[in-house]
Amino acid sequence: MELDVASLWILIAAALVLLMTPALGLFYGGMTRATGVVNMMLMSFSAAAITAVVWVLWGYSFSAGEPAIAGIVGNPISDFAMHNTEQSELLAAGFAGTFAMISVAIISGAIADRARFAPWLFFVPLWVTLVYAPVAFWVWGGGLLSADGFLGSIFGEAIDFAGGAVVHTNAGIAALVLALKLGQRHNFHDRPQPHNTPLVMLGAGLLWFGWFGFNAGAATTVEQAGLIWVNTLAAPGAAVLGWILVEKLRGSRPSSLGVASGLVAGLVAITPSCADVAPWAAMLLGVLAGAGAAWAVNLKWKLGYDDSLDVVGVHLVAGLIGTLFLGFFALPTEESAGGLFYGGGVAQLIAQAATLIVVMVFSAVMTWVIATVIGKFSPWRVAADIEIAGIDEAEHNENGYQLVSK
């Protein structure tokens, strides 16, 4: 079989999405203390490496195999190690694997500067297997939340084109659970600041670049790809303005961290709706997501949960906003009557909300169970003196910056 244009685009899109995980490492690495940048970036890289192995062995089967266990997961045996996967299907399988990589890597930002590396290495394969893969199967693989699934047939099928629920809400709620599980950093009330904002902005820029593959990789027509491209351009730009607006209303000056975080919040919000809203609506969504995420990240200081790198505000809250937005502004199609403001009634809004609730409850419970079990034999937190001195030297015998040669 010759390589056609559609297959070539999936190859390119998969490479773009693969770039997002090291880009996330840069984004997160710049936000930590200088003594934790190596640890933070290694969490992203290790997440990609471990997930690649898990995905080939059984993760893909769990997320896209024939329904098993009453439609809860795909059959893990049917495509174990992809031995029965058609060669024509391998492209899609590899593309899907890059989504699993970035999803679990997102979680690491909530536990920066205080988590040991060993428990993370156990957490990644367990979370991808027991949380991400089932949720992906429910929404995208014909499982519980699909049109023919048990819950989807009751509440309706949600629109989640590229992962507002499967990726960002799922990872965001897991991040919140881990942050609560590990507790506050020693300097939490000092409101620690990023050590390298240029690194943060570089990471955000590379994420934006990769996100065009993330959103448009599954496009089936030129027209759909064009809409996705424009929306992925417009929403994050508008989100930056929304974030800056909130900063100004608080009496602060526009910051590089705010611009980078607003950009990512806009990308998160447009992820589920990139193929299903008009460009003007994408800009409205961006403003709402940027402002909403900027407001949400401030909650951790008031409520006392230490989400180190604002995963909850940027991914969970923006993911919720973007997914629910479709209930109001989804364009009518042959398969859907559209959102409330397009005359489609509340059916789509109910489907979106129901999917989010199911995903959040499942992810929260399973993440807590996984983290608790791991913590029984491999404590999550570093010792207090190591946390104060910096985690890189103790965990990796390395430093991010060697300013004087030995």
Protein backbone atom coordinates (compact mmCIF):
# COMPACT_ATOMS: atom_id res chain seq x y z
CA MET A 1 0.00 0.00 0.00
CA GLU A 2 1.36 3.39 -0.98
CA LEU A 3 1.59 6.21 1.54
CA ASP A 4 -1.36 8.50 0.88
CA VAL A 5 -1.81 12.11 1.95
CA ALA A 6 -4.11 11.24 4.88
CA SER A 7 -1.61 8.76 6.31
CA LEU A 8 1.24 11.20 5.82
CA TRP A 9 -0.69 13.82 7.79
CA ILE A 10 -1.23 11.40 10.68
CA LEU A 11 2.52 10.71 10.72
CA ILE A 12 3.25 14.42 10.89
CA ALA A 13 0.55 15.03 13.50
CA ALA A 14 1.86 12.20 15.69
CA ALA A 15 5.35 13.71 15.56
CA LEU A 16 3.92 17.10 16.53
CA VAL A 17 2.07 15.60 19.50
CA LEU A 18 5.18 13.68 20.55
CA LEU A 19 7.01 17.01 20.71
CA MET A 20 4.45 18.23 23.24
CA THR A 21 5.71 16.04 26.08
CA PRO A 22 9.29 17.42 26.11
CA ALA A 23 7.75 20.86 25.51
CA LEU A 24 5.70 20.31 28.65
CA GLY A 25 8.94 19.41 30.42
CA LEU A 26 10.37 22.80 29.45
CA PHE A 27 7.15 24.57 30.45
CA TYR A 28 7.06 22.86 33.84
CA GLY A 29 10.83 22.92 34.32
CA GLY A 30 10.96 26.70 34.12
CA MET A 31 8.17 27.01 36.66
CA THR A 32 9.93 25.04 39.40
CA ARG A 33 12.77 26.12 41.65
CA ALA A 34 16.20 26.01 40.01
CA THR A 35 17.03 23.03 42.23
CA GLY A 36 14.08 21.01 40.88
CA VAL A 37 14.25 21.54 37.12
CA VAL A 38 15.99 18.23 36.35
CA ASN A 39 13.47 16.24 38.36
CA MET A 40 10.55 18.00 36.71
CA MET A 41 11.80 17.48 33.18
CA LEU A 42 12.66 13.85 33.88
CA MET A 43 9.08 13.26 35.00
CA SER A 44 7.87 14.28 31.55
CA PHE A 45 10.51 12.28 29.68
CA SER A 46 10.00 9.18 31.83
CA ALA A 47 6.24 9.44 31.33
CA ALA A 48 6.76 9.35 27.57
CA ALA A 49 9.19 6.42 27.72
CA ILE A 50 7.10 4.25 30.04
CA THR A 51 3.85 5.02 28.26
CA ALA A 52 5.38 4.06 24.90
CA VAL A 53 6.09 0.57 26.24
CA VAL A 54 2.74 0.21 28.02
CA TRP A 55 0.85 1.42 24.96
CA VAL A 56 2.40 -1.15 22.64
CA LEU A 57 2.03 -4.03 25.08
CA TRP A 58 -1.53 -3.54 26.33
CA GLY A 59 -2.56 0.12 26.52
CA TYR A 60 -3.84 0.31 22.96
CA SER A 61 -5.85 -2.88 23.42
CA PHE A 62 -7.40 -1.48 26.60
CA SER A 63 -8.41 1.72 24.83
CA ALA A 64 -9.48 0.49 21.40
CA GLY A 65 -9.89 -3.30 21.47
CA GLU A 66 -13.11 -5.27 21.28
CA PRO A 67 -15.38 -4.42 24.26
CA ALA A 68 -14.72 -6.51 27.36
CA ILE A 69 -16.02 -6.57 30.94
CA ALA A 70 -19.42 -5.08 30.05
CA GLY A 71 -17.91 -2.37 27.88
CA ILE A 72 -15.66 -1.01 30.63
CA VAL A 73 -12.40 -1.61 28.73
CA GLY A 74 -11.20 -3.03 25.47
CA ASN A 75 -9.97 -6.60 25.42
CA PRO A 76 -6.32 -6.43 26.56
CA ILE A 77 -5.52 -9.79 24.96
CA SER A 78 -6.92 -9.16 21.49
CA ASP A 79 -4.09 -6.85 20.44
CA PHE A 80 -1.47 -7.59 23.10
CA ALA A 81 1.87 -6.21 21.88
CA MET A 82 -0.10 -5.24 18.76
CA HIS A 83 0.39 -8.76 17.39
CA ASN A 84 -3.08 -8.78 15.79
CA THR A 85 -3.16 -5.10 14.85
CA GLU A 86 -3.48 -4.54 11.12
CA GLN A 87 -0.56 -2.66 9.64
CA SER A 88 -2.99 -0.07 8.32
CA GLU A 89 -4.11 0.53 11.92
CA LEU A 90 -0.64 1.02 13.37
CA LEU A 91 -0.54 4.69 12.40
CA ALA A 92 -3.70 5.44 14.35
CA ALA A 93 -2.45 3.33 17.26
CA GLY A 94 0.82 5.24 17.43
CA PHE A 95 -0.96 8.58 17.17
CA ALA A 96 -3.25 7.59 20.06
CA GLY A 97 -0.21 6.61 22.12
CA THR A 98 1.17 10.14 22.01
CA PHE A 99 -2.08 11.34 23.62
CA ALA A 100 -1.58 8.90 26.49
CA MET A 101 1.98 10.20 26.96
CA ILE A 102 1.04 13.85 27.32
CA SER A 103 -1.97 13.02 29.51
CA VAL A 104 -0.01 11.36 32.30
CA ALA A 105 2.87 13.84 31.98
CA ILE A 106 0.45 16.71 32.68
CA ILE A 107 -0.21 15.32 36.17
CA SER A 108 3.41 15.70 37.27
CA GLY A 109 3.15 19.48 37.53
CA ALA A 110 0.92 19.23 40.59
CA ILE A 111 3.60 17.50 42.70
CA ALA A 112 6.69 19.44 41.66
CA ASP A 113 9.54 20.10 44.11
CA ARG A 114 8.45 17.51 46.68
CA ALA A 115 7.77 14.12 45.04
CA ARG A 116 10.27 11.28 44.88
CA PHE A 117 11.03 9.94 41.43
CA ALA A 118 10.58 6.22 42.21
CA PRO A 119 6.84 6.37 43.05
CA TRP A 120 6.28 8.33 39.85
CA LEU A 121 7.81 5.49 37.83
CA PHE A 122 5.23 3.13 39.33
CA PHE A 123 2.39 5.62 38.98
CA VAL A 124 2.77 6.21 35.24
CA PRO A 125 2.05 2.67 33.95
CA LEU A 126 -0.70 2.09 36.50
CA TRP A 127 -2.49 5.35 35.71
CA VAL A 128 -2.23 4.89 31.95
CA THR A 129 -3.57 1.34 32.27
CA LEU A 130 -6.28 1.77 34.90
CA VAL A 131 -7.45 5.35 34.29
CA TYR A 132 -6.48 6.81 30.94
CA ALA A 133 -7.09 3.75 28.75
CA PRO A 134 -10.58 2.98 30.15
CA VAL A 135 -11.68 6.62 29.83
CA ALA A 136 -10.37 6.78 26.26
CA PHE A 137 -12.27 3.59 25.50
CA TRP A 138 -15.50 4.93 27.02
CA VAL A 139 -15.44 8.14 24.99
CA TRP A 140 -13.60 7.25 21.77
CA GLY A 141 -13.58 3.45 21.58
CA GLY A 142 -17.26 2.56 21.67
CA GLY A 143 -17.47 2.04 25.44
CA LEU A 144 -19.82 3.24 28.18
CA LEU A 145 -20.05 6.89 27.11
CA SER A 146 -20.34 6.34 23.36
CA ALA A 147 -23.67 6.61 21.54
CA ASP A 148 -24.28 2.87 21.89
CA GLY A 149 -22.77 2.54 25.35
CA PHE A 150 -24.77 2.08 28.53
CA LEU A 151 -24.33 5.64 29.83
CA GLY A 152 -24.18 7.27 26.41
CA SER A 153 -27.54 5.79 25.47
CA ILE A 154 -29.05 7.39 28.59
CA PHE A 155 -27.42 10.83 28.66
CA GLY A 156 -26.40 11.19 25.03
CA GLU A 157 -22.97 11.15 23.43
CA ALA A 158 -20.63 14.00 24.31
CA ILE A 159 -18.47 15.80 21.77
CA ASP A 160 -14.79 15.50 22.68
CA PHE A 161 -12.87 15.80 19.44
CA ALA A 162 -9.32 15.84 20.81
CA GLY A 163 -9.52 15.29 24.56
CA GLY A 164 -11.14 17.95 26.75
CA ALA A 165 -12.54 15.20 28.96
CA VAL A 166 -10.29 12.26 28.08
CA VAL A 167 -7.02 14.16 28.42
CA HIS A 168 -7.34 17.43 30.33
CA THR A 169 -10.23 16.89 32.74
CA ASN A 170 -8.98 13.38 33.41
CA ALA A 171 -5.40 14.49 34.09
CA GLY A 172 -6.50 17.65 35.90
CA ILE A 173 -8.61 15.86 38.50
CA ALA A 174 -5.84 13.27 38.96
CA ALA A 175 -3.40 16.11 39.55
CA LEU A 176 -5.67 17.56 42.23
CA VAL A 177 -5.87 14.20 43.99
CA LEU A 178 -2.08 13.79 44.00
CA ALA A 179 -1.58 17.37 45.21
CA LEU A 180 -3.93 16.73 48.13
CA LYS A 181 -2.28 13.37 48.79
CA LEU A 182 1.23 14.83 49.04
CA GLY A 183 0.28 18.00 50.91
CA GLN A 184 1.87 21.43 50.77
CA ARG A 185 5.47 22.30 49.98
CA HIS A 186 7.47 23.76 52.85
CA ASN A 187 7.43 27.19 51.20
CA PHE A 188 3.87 27.09 49.88
CA HIS A 189 2.73 30.18 51.78
CA ASP A 190 5.67 32.15 50.36
CA ARG A 191 4.08 31.74 46.92
CA PRO A 192 7.21 30.46 45.15
CA GLN A 193 7.87 31.93 41.71
CA PRO A 194 9.26 30.34 38.51
CA HIS A 195 13.04 30.30 38.35
CA ASN A 196 13.24 30.65 34.54
CA THR A 197 10.33 32.33 32.74
CA PRO A 198 12.04 32.28 29.31
CA LEU A 199 12.07 28.48 29.61
CA VAL A 200 8.36 28.58 30.48
CA MET A 201 7.58 30.68 27.42
CA LEU A 202 9.69 28.47 25.15
CA GLY A 203 7.80 25.44 26.41
CA ALA A 204 4.45 27.16 25.87
CA GLY A 205 5.42 28.14 22.33
CA LEU A 206 6.44 24.58 21.47
CA LEU A 207 3.21 23.30 23.00
CA TRP A 208 1.24 25.64 20.73
CA PHE A 209 3.20 24.34 17.73
CA GLY A 210 2.55 20.72 18.67
CA TRP A 211 -1.10 21.38 19.46
CA PHE A 212 -1.91 21.83 15.77
CA GLY A 213 -1.14 18.13 15.38
CA PHE A 214 -2.94 17.32 18.62
CA ASN A 215 -6.18 18.92 17.42
CA ALA A 216 -6.03 18.52 13.65
CA GLY A 217 -4.50 15.05 13.48
CA ALA A 218 -7.90 13.36 13.36
CA ALA A 219 -9.38 15.72 10.76
CA THR A 220 -11.14 13.82 7.97
CA THR A 221 -11.63 16.60 5.41
CA VAL A 222 -9.75 19.68 4.25
CA GLU A 223 -12.65 21.84 5.41
CA GLN A 224 -12.58 20.35 8.90
CA ALA A 225 -8.81 20.69 9.11
CA GLY A 226 -9.09 24.36 8.16
CA LEU A 227 -11.65 25.03 10.88
CA ILE A 228 -9.54 23.22 13.46
CA TRP A 229 -6.42 25.14 12.42
CA VAL A 230 -8.08 28.54 12.70
CA ASN A 231 -9.71 27.69 16.03
CA THR A 232 -6.41 26.41 17.43
CA LEU A 233 -4.89 29.72 16.39
CA ALA A 234 -7.68 31.97 17.69
CA ALA A 235 -8.63 30.46 21.06
CA PRO A 236 -5.20 30.60 22.76
CA GLY A 237 -4.63 34.12 21.49
CA ALA A 238 -7.91 35.25 22.99
CA ALA A 239 -7.14 33.33 26.19
CA VAL A 240 -3.95 35.32 26.69
CA LEU A 241 -6.05 38.49 26.57
CA GLY A 242 -8.51 37.01 29.07
CA TRP A 243 -5.69 36.12 31.47
CA ILE A 244 -4.10 39.58 31.16
CA LEU A 245 -7.50 41.16 31.84
CA VAL A 246 -7.81 39.26 35.12
CA GLU A 247 -4.26 40.26 36.07
CA LYS A 248 -5.10 43.90 35.43
CA LEU A 249 -8.33 43.66 37.44
CA ARG A 250 -6.28 42.30 40.35
CA GLY A 251 -3.99 45.30 40.12
CA SER A 252 -1.07 43.27 38.77
CA ARG A 253 1.06 43.88 35.70
CA PRO A 254 0.94 41.53 32.70
CA SER A 255 3.46 38.75 33.31
CA SER A 256 5.31 36.28 31.11
CA LEU A 257 4.01 33.43 33.28
CA GLY A 258 0.47 34.73 32.81
CA VAL A 259 0.85 34.95 29.04
CA ALA A 260 2.28 31.42 28.84
CA SER A 261 -0.35 29.97 31.18
CA GLY A 262 -3.17 31.79 29.39
CA LEU A 263 -1.94 30.45 26.08
CA VAL A 264 -1.98 26.86 27.36
CA ALA A 265 -5.40 27.36 28.98
CA GLY A 266 -6.79 28.47 25.63
CA LEU A 267 -5.29 25.44 23.92
CA VAL A 268 -6.80 23.16 26.54
CA ALA A 269 -10.24 24.74 26.17
CA ILE A 270 -10.35 24.50 22.37
CA THR A 271 -9.22 20.85 22.41
CA PRO A 272 -12.69 19.26 22.73
CA SER A 273 -14.42 21.80 20.50
CA CYS A 274 -11.83 22.57 17.81
CA ALA A 275 -13.88 20.94 15.03
CA ASP A 276 -17.32 21.91 16.30
CA VAL A 277 -17.45 25.67 16.97
CA ALA A 278 -17.21 28.71 14.71
CA PRO A 279 -14.02 30.82 14.87
CA TRP A 280 -15.83 33.70 16.60
CA ALA A 281 -17.03 31.25 19.25
CA ALA A 282 -13.49 29.91 19.62
CA MET A 283 -12.32 33.41 20.49
CA LEU A 284 -15.14 33.81 23.01
CA LEU A 285 -14.18 30.46 24.50
CA GLY A 286 -10.56 31.57 24.68
CA VAL A 287 -11.41 34.69 26.66
CA LEU A 288 -13.60 32.68 29.05
CA ALA A 289 -10.96 29.99 29.50
CA GLY A 290 -8.11 32.44 30.01
CA ALA A 291 -10.06 34.47 32.55
CA GLY A 292 -11.47 31.36 34.24
CA ALA A 293 -8.08 29.69 34.56
CA ALA A 294 -6.49 32.90 35.87
CA TRP A 295 -9.19 33.09 38.51
CA ALA A 296 -8.89 29.39 39.33
CA VAL A 297 -5.12 29.34 39.90
CA ASN A 298 -5.59 31.90 42.65
CA LEU A 299 -7.93 29.54 44.49
CA LYS A 300 -5.09 27.32 45.67
CA TRP A 301 -3.79 30.10 47.92
CA LYS A 302 -7.26 30.57 49.41
CA LEU A 303 -8.21 26.91 49.72
CA GLY A 304 -4.77 25.64 50.70
CA TYR A 305 -4.20 22.87 48.16
CA ASP A 306 -0.68 22.94 46.73
CA ASP A 307 -1.01 22.41 43.00
CA SER A 308 2.59 23.41 42.36
CA LEU A 309 2.42 24.36 38.67
CA ASP A 310 -1.29 25.22 38.29
CA VAL A 311 -2.40 22.00 36.61
CA VAL A 312 -5.85 22.28 38.18
CA GLY A 313 -6.47 25.81 36.99
CA VAL A 314 -4.97 25.48 33.53
CA HIS A 315 -6.01 21.93 32.62
CA LEU A 316 -8.96 20.93 34.80
CA VAL A 317 -10.82 24.25 34.82
CA ALA A 318 -10.07 25.15 31.20
CA GLY A 319 -10.94 21.60 30.16
CA LEU A 320 -14.28 21.83 31.94
CA ILE A 321 -15.03 25.20 30.35
CA GLY A 322 -14.15 23.98 26.87
CA THR A 323 -16.17 20.78 27.17
CA LEU A 324 -19.28 22.45 28.61
CA PHE A 325 -19.02 25.27 26.04
CA LEU A 326 -20.06 22.78 23.37
CA GLY A 327 -23.42 22.38 25.07
CA PHE A 328 -24.14 25.99 24.12
CA PHE A 329 -22.15 26.69 20.95
CA ALA A 330 -21.68 23.39 19.10
CA LEU A 331 -22.42 23.77 15.40
CA PRO A 332 -25.29 21.64 14.04
CA THR A 333 -24.19 18.60 12.04
CA GLU A 334 -25.80 15.54 10.50
CA GLU A 335 -25.10 13.64 13.72
CA SER A 336 -25.95 16.42 16.20
CA ALA A 337 -28.63 19.08 16.52
CA GLY A 338 -26.03 21.49 17.86
CA GLY A 339 -25.75 23.42 21.08
CA LEU A 340 -28.41 25.33 22.97
CA PHE A 341 -27.75 28.63 21.18
CA TYR A 342 -28.08 26.92 17.79
CA GLY A 343 -31.53 25.54 18.55
CA GLY A 344 -30.35 22.13 19.66
CA GLY A 345 -31.91 22.33 23.12
CA VAL A 346 -30.20 21.09 26.26
CA ALA A 347 -29.49 17.55 25.05
CA GLN A 348 -25.87 18.25 24.12
CA LEU A 349 -25.25 20.17 27.34
CA ILE A 350 -26.56 17.22 29.37
CA ALA A 351 -24.32 14.82 27.45
CA GLN A 352 -21.27 17.04 28.01
CA ALA A 353 -21.96 17.45 31.73
CA ALA A 354 -22.67 13.76 32.29
CA THR A 355 -19.43 12.74 30.61
CA LEU A 356 -17.42 15.18 32.69
CA ILE A 357 -18.98 13.97 35.94
CA VAL A 358 -18.32 10.32 35.12
CA VAL A 359 -14.72 11.00 34.08
CA MET A 360 -13.97 13.14 37.15
CA VAL A 361 -15.44 10.68 39.66
CA PHE A 362 -13.73 7.68 38.09
CA SER A 363 -10.37 9.41 37.70
CA ALA A 364 -10.42 10.84 41.23
CA VAL A 365 -11.25 7.52 42.88
CA MET A 366 -8.82 5.44 40.83
CA THR A 367 -5.99 7.95 41.18
CA TRP A 368 -6.44 8.00 44.95
CA VAL A 369 -6.37 4.19 45.06
CA ILE A 370 -3.26 3.97 42.86
CA ALA A 371 -1.42 6.68 44.81
CA THR A 372 -2.34 5.10 48.15
CA VAL A 373 -1.18 1.63 47.15
CA ILE A 374 2.12 2.95 45.79
CA GLY A 375 2.65 5.03 48.92
CA LYS A 376 2.45 1.90 51.07
CA PHE A 377 5.75 0.55 49.75
CA SER A 378 7.37 3.64 48.18
CA PRO A 379 6.77 6.91 50.07
CA TRP A 380 5.82 9.79 47.80
CA ARG A 381 7.50 12.70 49.57
CA VAL A 382 11.17 13.46 49.90
CA ALA A 383 12.54 14.24 53.35
CA ALA A 384 12.03 17.81 54.56
CA ASP A 385 15.74 18.66 54.43
CA ILE A 386 15.98 17.41 50.84
CA GLU A 387 12.95 19.44 49.82
CA ILE A 388 14.47 22.58 51.31
CA ALA A 389 17.92 21.99 49.78
CA GLY A 390 16.50 20.99 46.39
CA ILE A 391 15.37 17.70 44.95
CA ASP A 392 17.69 17.35 41.94
CA GLU A 393 20.90 16.51 43.78
CA ALA A 394 19.28 13.97 46.10
CA GLU A 395 17.11 12.21 43.51
CA HIS A 396 19.32 12.37 40.42
CA ASN A 397 22.82 13.43 41.52
CA GLU A 398 22.59 16.23 38.96
CA ASN A 399 21.95 19.94 38.80
CA GLY A 400 20.14 21.85 36.11
CA TYR A 401 22.78 24.56 36.04
CA GLN A 402 26.53 24.10 36.42
CA LEU A 403 27.82 27.66 36.44
CA VAL A 404 31.35 26.81 37.56
CA SER A 405 33.19 23.90 35.97
CA LYS A 406 34.92 21.45 38.28
